[in-house]
Full PDB file with SEQRES, HELIX, SHEET, SSBOND, CRYST1, ORIGX, SCALE, CONECT and MASTER records, all heavy atoms in Angstrom:
SEQRES   1 A   33  TYR GLY VAL ARG VAL PRO ALA VAL VAL VAL SER PRO PHE          
SEQRES   2 A   33  ILE SER PRO GLY THR VAL PHE ARG SER SER GLY GLN PRO          
SEQRES   3 A   33  PHE ASP HIS THR SER ILE ILE                                  
HELIX    1 AA1 HIS A   29  SER A   31  5                                   3    
CRYST1    1.000    1.000    1.000  90.00  90.00  90.00 P 1           1          
ORIGX1      1.000000  0.000000  0.000000        0.00000                         
ORIGX2      0.000000  1.000000  0.000000        0.00000                         
ORIGX3      0.000000  0.000000  1.000000        0.00000                         
SCALE1      1.000000  0.000000  0.000000        0.00000                         
SCALE2      0.000000  1.000000  0.000000        0.00000                         
SCALE3      0.000000  0.000000  1.000000        0.00000                         
ATOM      1  N   TYR A   1      47.495-237.118  77.745  1.00  0.00           N  
ATOM      2  CA  TYR A   1      47.551-238.265  76.852  1.00  0.00           C  
ATOM      3  C   TYR A   1      48.354-239.386  77.494  1.00  0.00           C  
ATOM      4  O   TYR A   1      49.093-239.168  78.460  1.00  0.00           O  
ATOM      5  CB  TYR A   1      48.210-237.883  75.521  1.00  0.00           C  
ATOM      6  CG  TYR A   1      47.398-236.933  74.676  1.00  0.00           C  
ATOM      7  CD1 TYR A   1      47.813-235.624  74.468  1.00  0.00           C  
ATOM      8  CD2 TYR A   1      46.214-237.355  74.075  1.00  0.00           C  
ATOM      9  CE1 TYR A   1      47.074-234.751  73.689  1.00  0.00           C  
ATOM     10  CE2 TYR A   1      45.467-236.484  73.293  1.00  0.00           C  
ATOM     11  CZ  TYR A   1      45.895-235.191  73.100  1.00  0.00           C  
ATOM     12  OH  TYR A   1      45.157-234.336  72.336  1.00  0.00           O  
ATOM     13  N   GLY A   2      48.240-240.582  76.941  1.00  0.00           N  
ATOM     14  CA  GLY A   2      49.047-241.692  77.395  1.00  0.00           C  
ATOM     15  C   GLY A   2      50.308-241.802  76.566  1.00  0.00           C  
ATOM     16  O   GLY A   2      50.652-240.901  75.793  1.00  0.00           O  
ATOM     17  N   VAL A   3      51.013-242.917  76.727  1.00  0.00           N  
ATOM     18  CA  VAL A   3      52.207-243.141  75.905  1.00  0.00           C  
ATOM     19  C   VAL A   3      51.781-243.337  74.455  1.00  0.00           C  
ATOM     20  O   VAL A   3      50.637-243.695  74.165  1.00  0.00           O  
ATOM     21  CB  VAL A   3      52.998-244.362  76.407  1.00  0.00           C  
ATOM     22  CG1 VAL A   3      53.585-244.087  77.773  1.00  0.00           C  
ATOM     23  CG2 VAL A   3      52.100-245.597  76.459  1.00  0.00           C  
ATOM     24  N   ARG A   4      52.704-243.114  73.544  1.00  0.00           N  
ATOM     25  CA  ARG A   4      52.374-243.163  72.125  1.00  0.00           C  
ATOM     26  C   ARG A   4      52.180-244.592  71.637  1.00  0.00           C  
ATOM     27  O   ARG A   4      52.806-245.527  72.132  1.00  0.00           O  
ATOM     28  CB  ARG A   4      53.480-242.479  71.315  1.00  0.00           C  
ATOM     29  CG  ARG A   4      53.579-240.996  71.594  1.00  0.00           C  
ATOM     30  CD  ARG A   4      54.739-240.354  70.860  1.00  0.00           C  
ATOM     31  NE  ARG A   4      56.024-240.910  71.288  1.00  0.00           N  
ATOM     32  CZ  ARG A   4      57.187-240.555  70.751  1.00  0.00           C  
ATOM     33  NH1 ARG A   4      57.222-239.661  69.774  1.00  0.00           N  
ATOM     34  NH2 ARG A   4      58.310-241.085  71.195  1.00  0.00           N  
ATOM     35  N   VAL A   5      51.293-244.762  70.678  1.00  0.00           N  
ATOM     36  CA  VAL A   5      51.049-246.057  70.046  1.00  0.00           C  
ATOM     37  C   VAL A   5      51.220-245.892  68.540  1.00  0.00           C  
ATOM     38  O   VAL A   5      51.016-244.800  67.996  1.00  0.00           O  
ATOM     39  CB  VAL A   5      49.628-246.592  70.354  1.00  0.00           C  
ATOM     40  CG1 VAL A   5      49.453-246.841  71.839  1.00  0.00           C  
ATOM     41  CG2 VAL A   5      48.561-245.637  69.845  1.00  0.00           C  
ATOM     42  N   PRO A   6      51.611-246.955  67.845  1.00  0.00           N  
ATOM     43  CA  PRO A   6      51.771-246.845  66.396  1.00  0.00           C  
ATOM     44  C   PRO A   6      50.425-246.798  65.683  1.00  0.00           C  
ATOM     45  O   PRO A   6      49.414-247.292  66.191  1.00  0.00           O  
ATOM     46  CB  PRO A   6      52.539-248.122  66.031  1.00  0.00           C  
ATOM     47  CG  PRO A   6      52.190-249.088  67.117  1.00  0.00           C  
ATOM     48  CD  PRO A   6      52.005-248.270  68.355  1.00  0.00           C  
ATOM     49  N   ALA A   7      50.426-246.208  64.512  1.00  0.00           N  
ATOM     50  CA  ALA A   7      49.248-246.188  63.652  1.00  0.00           C  
ATOM     51  C   ALA A   7      49.704-246.221  62.202  1.00  0.00           C  
ATOM     52  O   ALA A   7      50.627-245.501  61.813  1.00  0.00           O  
ATOM     53  CB  ALA A   7      48.391-244.953  63.912  1.00  0.00           C  
ATOM     54  N   VAL A   8      49.073-247.064  61.418  1.00  0.00           N  
ATOM     55  CA  VAL A   8      49.344-247.174  59.983  1.00  0.00           C  
ATOM     56  C   VAL A   8      48.045-246.885  59.248  1.00  0.00           C  
ATOM     57  O   VAL A   8      47.007-247.476  59.558  1.00  0.00           O  
ATOM     58  CB  VAL A   8      49.857-248.585  59.613  1.00  0.00           C  
ATOM     59  CG1 VAL A   8      50.101-248.686  58.117  1.00  0.00           C  
ATOM     60  CG2 VAL A   8      51.124-248.922  60.384  1.00  0.00           C  
ATOM     61  N   VAL A   9      48.097-245.949  58.315  1.00  0.00           N  
ATOM     62  CA  VAL A   9      46.920-245.562  57.541  1.00  0.00           C  
ATOM     63  C   VAL A   9      47.148-245.973  56.095  1.00  0.00           C  
ATOM     64  O   VAL A   9      48.152-245.594  55.492  1.00  0.00           O  
ATOM     65  CB  VAL A   9      46.665-244.045  57.651  1.00  0.00           C  
ATOM     66  CG1 VAL A   9      45.400-243.658  56.900  1.00  0.00           C  
ATOM     67  CG2 VAL A   9      46.557-243.625  59.113  1.00  0.00           C  
ATOM     68  N   VAL A  10      46.231-246.755  55.532  1.00  0.00           N  
ATOM     69  CA  VAL A  10      46.413-247.340  54.199  1.00  0.00           C  
ATOM     70  C   VAL A  10      45.255-246.936  53.298  1.00  0.00           C  
ATOM     71  O   VAL A  10      44.088-247.088  53.661  1.00  0.00           O  
ATOM     72  CB  VAL A  10      46.489-248.880  54.278  1.00  0.00           C  
ATOM     73  CG1 VAL A  10      46.868-249.469  52.931  1.00  0.00           C  
ATOM     74  CG2 VAL A  10      47.462-249.329  55.356  1.00  0.00           C  
ATOM     75  N   SER A  11      45.592-246.412  52.133  1.00  0.00           N  
ATOM     76  CA  SER A  11      44.572-246.021  51.165  1.00  0.00           C  
ATOM     77  C   SER A  11      45.226-245.805  49.809  1.00  0.00           C  
ATOM     78  O   SER A  11      46.389-245.386  49.738  1.00  0.00           O  
ATOM     79  CB  SER A  11      43.879-244.727  51.610  1.00  0.00           C  
ATOM     80  OG  SER A  11      43.075-244.178  50.564  1.00  0.00           O  
ATOM     81  N   PRO A  12      44.515-246.066  48.699  1.00  0.00           N  
ATOM     82  CA  PRO A  12      45.068-245.769  47.376  1.00  0.00           C  
ATOM     83  C   PRO A  12      45.168-244.273  47.108  1.00  0.00           C  
ATOM     84  O   PRO A  12      45.697-243.877  46.067  1.00  0.00           O  
ATOM     85  CB  PRO A  12      44.085-246.447  46.421  1.00  0.00           C  
ATOM     86  CG  PRO A  12      42.806-246.524  47.179  1.00  0.00           C  
ATOM     87  CD  PRO A  12      43.200-246.730  48.605  1.00  0.00           C  
ATOM     88  N   PHE A  13      44.685-243.448  48.027  1.00  0.00           N  
ATOM     89  CA  PHE A  13      44.785-242.000  47.884  1.00  0.00           C  
ATOM     90  C   PHE A  13      45.969-241.430  48.666  1.00  0.00           C  
ATOM     91  O   PHE A  13      46.075-240.220  48.839  1.00  0.00           O  
ATOM     92  CB  PHE A  13      43.493-241.327  48.350  1.00  0.00           C  
ATOM     93  CG  PHE A  13      42.344-241.492  47.383  1.00  0.00           C  
ATOM     94  CD1 PHE A  13      41.477-242.564  47.496  1.00  0.00           C  
ATOM     95  CD2 PHE A  13      42.148-240.587  46.351  1.00  0.00           C  
ATOM     96  CE1 PHE A  13      40.426-242.729  46.604  1.00  0.00           C  
ATOM     97  CE2 PHE A  13      41.105-240.747  45.453  1.00  0.00           C  
ATOM     98  CZ  PHE A  13      40.245-241.826  45.579  1.00  0.00           C  
ATOM     99  N   ILE A  14      46.843-242.305  49.157  1.00  0.00           N  
ATOM    100  CA  ILE A  14      48.021-241.882  49.911  1.00  0.00           C  
ATOM    101  C   ILE A  14      49.267-242.252  49.116  1.00  0.00           C  
ATOM    102  O   ILE A  14      49.392-243.381  48.640  1.00  0.00           O  
ATOM    103  CB  ILE A  14      48.072-242.552  51.302  1.00  0.00           C  
ATOM    104  CG1 ILE A  14      46.817-242.230  52.107  1.00  0.00           C  
ATOM    105  CG2 ILE A  14      49.314-242.103  52.067  1.00  0.00           C  
ATOM    106  CD1 ILE A  14      46.737-242.966  53.430  1.00  0.00           C  
ATOM    107  N   SER A  15      50.191-241.317  48.997  1.00  0.00           N  
ATOM    108  CA  SER A  15      51.454-241.626  48.328  1.00  0.00           C  
ATOM    109  C   SER A  15      52.197-242.695  49.122  1.00  0.00           C  
ATOM    110  O   SER A  15      52.304-242.594  50.353  1.00  0.00           O  
ATOM    111  CB  SER A  15      52.323-240.369  48.228  1.00  0.00           C  
ATOM    112  OG  SER A  15      51.689-239.372  47.442  1.00  0.00           O  
ATOM    113  N   PRO A  16      52.707-243.732  48.440  1.00  0.00           N  
ATOM    114  CA  PRO A  16      53.404-244.810  49.166  1.00  0.00           C  
ATOM    115  C   PRO A  16      54.562-244.275  49.996  1.00  0.00           C  
ATOM    116  O   PRO A  16      55.298-243.381  49.585  1.00  0.00           O  
ATOM    117  CB  PRO A  16      53.914-245.710  48.032  1.00  0.00           C  
ATOM    118  CG  PRO A  16      52.980-245.458  46.892  1.00  0.00           C  
ATOM    119  CD  PRO A  16      52.615-244.001  46.991  1.00  0.00           C  
ATOM    120  N   GLY A  17      54.711-244.819  51.200  1.00  0.00           N  
ATOM    121  CA  GLY A  17      55.824-244.450  52.066  1.00  0.00           C  
ATOM    122  C   GLY A  17      55.661-243.147  52.811  1.00  0.00           C  
ATOM    123  O   GLY A  17      56.611-242.657  53.415  1.00  0.00           O  
ATOM    124  N   THR A  18      54.465-242.588  52.813  1.00  0.00           N  
ATOM    125  CA  THR A  18      54.239-241.304  53.479  1.00  0.00           C  
ATOM    126  C   THR A  18      54.358-241.440  54.990  1.00  0.00           C  
ATOM    127  O   THR A  18      53.812-242.373  55.589  1.00  0.00           O  
ATOM    128  CB  THR A  18      52.845-240.749  53.128  1.00  0.00           C  
ATOM    129  OG1 THR A  18      52.786-240.489  51.725  1.00  0.00           O  
ATOM    130  CG2 THR A  18      52.547-239.462  53.891  1.00  0.00           C  
ATOM    131  N   VAL A  19      55.052-240.516  55.615  1.00  0.00           N  
ATOM    132  CA  VAL A  19      55.093-240.389  57.075  1.00  0.00           C  
ATOM    133  C   VAL A  19      54.508-239.029  57.406  1.00  0.00           C  
ATOM    134  O   VAL A  19      54.955-238.015  56.882  1.00  0.00           O  
ATOM    135  CB  VAL A  19      56.535-240.498  57.616  1.00  0.00           C  
ATOM    136  CG1 VAL A  19      56.549-240.279  59.127  1.00  0.00           C  
ATOM    137  CG2 VAL A  19      57.135-241.861  57.272  1.00  0.00           C  
ATOM    138  N   PHE A  20      53.491-238.994  58.250  1.00  0.00           N  
ATOM    139  CA  PHE A  20      52.831-237.718  58.517  1.00  0.00           C  
ATOM    140  C   PHE A  20      52.714-237.465  60.013  1.00  0.00           C  
ATOM    141  O   PHE A  20      52.618-238.381  60.816  1.00  0.00           O  
ATOM    142  CB  PHE A  20      51.450-237.661  57.857  1.00  0.00           C  
ATOM    143  CG  PHE A  20      50.431-238.627  58.413  1.00  0.00           C  
ATOM    144  CD1 PHE A  20      49.435-238.193  59.278  1.00  0.00           C  
ATOM    145  CD2 PHE A  20      50.471-239.971  58.071  1.00  0.00           C  
ATOM    146  CE1 PHE A  20      48.497-239.069  59.784  1.00  0.00           C  
ATOM    147  CE2 PHE A  20      49.533-240.862  58.579  1.00  0.00           C  
ATOM    148  CZ  PHE A  20      48.549-240.401  59.440  1.00  0.00           C  
ATOM    149  N   ARG A  21      52.765-236.186  60.356  1.00  0.00           N  
ATOM    150  CA  ARG A  21      52.640-235.756  61.742  1.00  0.00           C  
ATOM    151  C   ARG A  21      51.728-234.538  61.788  1.00  0.00           C  
ATOM    152  O   ARG A  21      51.596-233.810  60.799  1.00  0.00           O  
ATOM    153  CB  ARG A  21      54.005-235.403  62.342  1.00  0.00           C  
ATOM    154  CG  ARG A  21      54.970-236.568  62.434  1.00  0.00           C  
ATOM    155  CD  ARG A  21      56.319-236.127  62.966  1.00  0.00           C  
ATOM    156  NE  ARG A  21      57.235-237.237  63.168  1.00  0.00           N  
ATOM    157  CZ  ARG A  21      58.002-237.740  62.205  1.00  0.00           C  
ATOM    158  NH1 ARG A  21      57.968-237.215  60.988  1.00  0.00           N  
ATOM    159  NH2 ARG A  21      58.811-238.747  62.462  1.00  0.00           N  
ATOM    160  N   SER A  22      51.164-234.312  62.926  1.00  0.00           N  
ATOM    161  CA  SER A  22      50.330-233.122  63.102  1.00  0.00           C  
ATOM    162  C   SER A  22      51.220-231.949  63.507  1.00  0.00           C  
ATOM    163  O   SER A  22      52.115-232.093  64.344  1.00  0.00           O  
ATOM    164  CB  SER A  22      49.272-233.360  64.179  1.00  0.00           C  
ATOM    165  OG  SER A  22      48.577-232.169  64.473  1.00  0.00           O  
ATOM    166  N   SER A  23      50.961-230.797  62.907  1.00  0.00           N  
ATOM    167  CA  SER A  23      51.751-229.610  63.242  1.00  0.00           C  
ATOM    168  C   SER A  23      51.216-228.894  64.480  1.00  0.00           C  
ATOM    169  O   SER A  23      51.872-227.999  65.007  1.00  0.00           O  
ATOM    170  CB  SER A  23      51.749-228.636  62.055  1.00  0.00           C  
ATOM    171  OG  SER A  23      50.421-228.264  61.714  1.00  0.00           O  
ATOM    172  N   GLY A  24      50.038-229.262  64.925  1.00  0.00           N  
ATOM    173  CA  GLY A  24      49.457-228.632  66.101  1.00  0.00           C  
ATOM    174  C   GLY A  24      49.074-229.654  67.141  1.00  0.00           C  
ATOM    175  O   GLY A  24      49.925-230.309  67.748  1.00  0.00           O  
ATOM    176  N   GLN A  25      47.779-229.806  67.364  1.00  0.00           N  
ATOM    177  CA  GLN A  25      47.266-230.799  68.305  1.00  0.00           C  
ATOM    178  C   GLN A  25      47.730-232.190  67.880  1.00  0.00           C  
ATOM    179  O   GLN A  25      47.638-232.548  66.708  1.00  0.00           O  
ATOM    180  CB  GLN A  25      45.732-230.737  68.336  1.00  0.00           C  
ATOM    181  CG  GLN A  25      45.094-231.427  69.520  1.00  0.00           C  
ATOM    182  CD  GLN A  25      45.150-230.582  70.775  1.00  0.00           C  
ATOM    183  OE1 GLN A  25      45.557-229.438  70.729  1.00  0.00           O  
ATOM    184  NE2 GLN A  25      44.721-231.146  71.887  1.00  0.00           N  
ATOM    185  N   PRO A  26      48.265-233.004  68.775  1.00  0.00           N  
ATOM    186  CA  PRO A  26      48.748-234.327  68.364  1.00  0.00           C  
ATOM    187  C   PRO A  26      47.611-235.253  67.969  1.00  0.00           C  
ATOM    188  O   PRO A  26      46.475-235.117  68.441  1.00  0.00           O  
ATOM    189  CB  PRO A  26      49.470-234.833  69.620  1.00  0.00           C  
ATOM    190  CG  PRO A  26      48.844-234.097  70.749  1.00  0.00           C  
ATOM    191  CD  PRO A  26      48.490-232.742  70.205  1.00  0.00           C  
ATOM    192  N   PHE A  27      47.926-236.190  67.080  1.00  0.00           N  
ATOM    193  CA  PHE A  27      46.959-237.222  66.737  1.00  0.00           C  
ATOM    194  C   PHE A  27      46.716-238.099  67.963  1.00  0.00           C  
ATOM    195  O   PHE A  27      47.627-238.383  68.731  1.00  0.00           O  
ATOM    196  CB  PHE A  27      47.476-238.096  65.594  1.00  0.00           C  
ATOM    197  CG  PHE A  27      47.471-237.420  64.258  1.00  0.00           C  
ATOM    198  CD1 PHE A  27      48.650-236.995  63.682  1.00  0.00           C  
ATOM    199  CD2 PHE A  27      46.288-237.223  63.567  1.00  0.00           C  
ATOM    200  CE1 PHE A  27      48.668-236.380  62.445  1.00  0.00           C  
ATOM    201  CE2 PHE A  27      46.282-236.607  62.329  1.00  0.00           C  
ATOM    202  CZ  PHE A  27      47.468-236.176  61.767  1.00  0.00           C  
ATOM    203  N   ASP A  28      45.480-238.500  68.143  1.00  0.00           N  
ATOM    204  CA  ASP A  28      45.163-239.484  69.182  1.00  0.00           C  
ATOM    205  C   ASP A  28      44.027-240.348  68.666  1.00  0.00           C  
ATOM    206  O   ASP A  28      43.588-240.199  67.514  1.00  0.00           O  
ATOM    207  CB  ASP A  28      44.824-238.785  70.510  1.00  0.00           C  
ATOM    208  CG  ASP A  28      43.455-238.153  70.498  1.00  0.00           C  
ATOM    209  OD1 ASP A  28      43.280-237.114  69.834  1.00  0.00           O  
ATOM    210  OD2 ASP A  28      42.546-238.704  71.140  1.00  0.00           O  
ATOM    211  N   HIS A  29      43.549-241.250  69.471  1.00  0.00           N  
ATOM    212  CA  HIS A  29      42.534-242.187  68.993  1.00  0.00           C  
ATOM    213  C   HIS A  29      41.263-241.482  68.520  1.00  0.00           C  
ATOM    214  O   HIS A  29      40.562-241.984  67.632  1.00  0.00           O  
ATOM    215  CB  HIS A  29      42.197-243.205  70.094  1.00  0.00           C  
ATOM    216  CG  HIS A  29      43.286-244.181  70.359  1.00  0.00           C  
ATOM    217  ND1 HIS A  29      44.287-243.940  71.270  1.00  0.00           N  
ATOM    218  CD2 HIS A  29      43.562-245.402  69.819  1.00  0.00           C  
ATOM    219  CE1 HIS A  29      45.117-244.982  71.302  1.00  0.00           C  
ATOM    220  NE2 HIS A  29      44.707-245.864  70.429  1.00  0.00           N  
ATOM    221  N   THR A  30      40.958-240.326  69.091  1.00  0.00           N  
ATOM    222  CA  THR A  30      39.752-239.629  68.650  1.00  0.00           C  
ATOM    223  C   THR A  30      39.943-238.979  67.285  1.00  0.00           C  
ATOM    224  O   THR A  30      38.974-238.469  66.710  1.00  0.00           O  
ATOM    225  CB  THR A  30      39.314-238.561  69.681  1.00  0.00           C  
ATOM    226  OG1 THR A  30      40.350-237.587  69.828  1.00  0.00           O  
ATOM    227  CG2 THR A  30      39.018-239.199  71.017  1.00  0.00           C  
ATOM    228  N   SER A  31      41.170-239.011  66.747  1.00  0.00           N  
ATOM    229  CA  SER A  31      41.363-238.557  65.370  1.00  0.00           C  
ATOM    230  C   SER A  31      40.600-239.446  64.393  1.00  0.00           C  
ATOM    231  O   SER A  31      40.175-238.985  63.318  1.00  0.00           O  
ATOM    232  CB  SER A  31      42.851-238.558  65.022  1.00  0.00           C  
ATOM    233  OG  SER A  31      43.558-237.589  65.775  1.00  0.00           O  
ATOM    234  N   ILE A  32      40.431-240.711  64.754  1.00  0.00           N  
ATOM    235  CA  ILE A  32      39.625-241.613  63.914  1.00  0.00           C  
ATOM    236  C   ILE A  32      38.171-241.150  63.912  1.00  0.00           C  
ATOM    237  O   ILE A  32      37.511-241.093  62.867  1.00  0.00           O  
ATOM    238  CB  ILE A  32      39.744-243.060  64.422  1.00  0.00           C  
ATOM    239  CG1 ILE A  32      41.201-243.520  64.377  1.00  0.00           C  
ATOM    240  CG2 ILE A  32      38.860-243.993  63.604  1.00  0.00           C  
ATOM    241  CD1 ILE A  32      41.445-244.878  64.995  1.00  0.00           C  
ATOM    242  N   ILE A  33      37.673-240.794  65.094  1.00  0.00           N  
ATOM    243  CA  ILE A  33      36.305-240.286  65.189  1.00  0.00           C  
ATOM    244  C   ILE A  33      36.168-238.993  64.384  1.00  0.00           C  
ATOM    245  O   ILE A  33      35.189-238.802  63.642  1.00  0.00           O  
ATOM    246  CB  ILE A  33      35.920-240.048  66.660  1.00  0.00           C  
ATOM    247  CG1 ILE A  33      35.949-241.365  67.436  1.00  0.00           C  
ATOM    248  CG2 ILE A  33      34.556-239.389  66.770  1.00  0.00           C  
ATOM    249  CD1 ILE A  33      35.756-241.206  68.923  1.00  0.00           C  
TER     250      ILE A  33                                                      
MASTER        0    0    0    1    0    0    0    6  249    1    0    3          
END                                                                             
């Protein structure tokens, strides 16, 4: 992987102020796919 980049995910189905991380494989751009 490369260096980390920020990502903000916005939806009315997300509790405000949520910070989330992956417990296994790290999130990367293909997580969007």
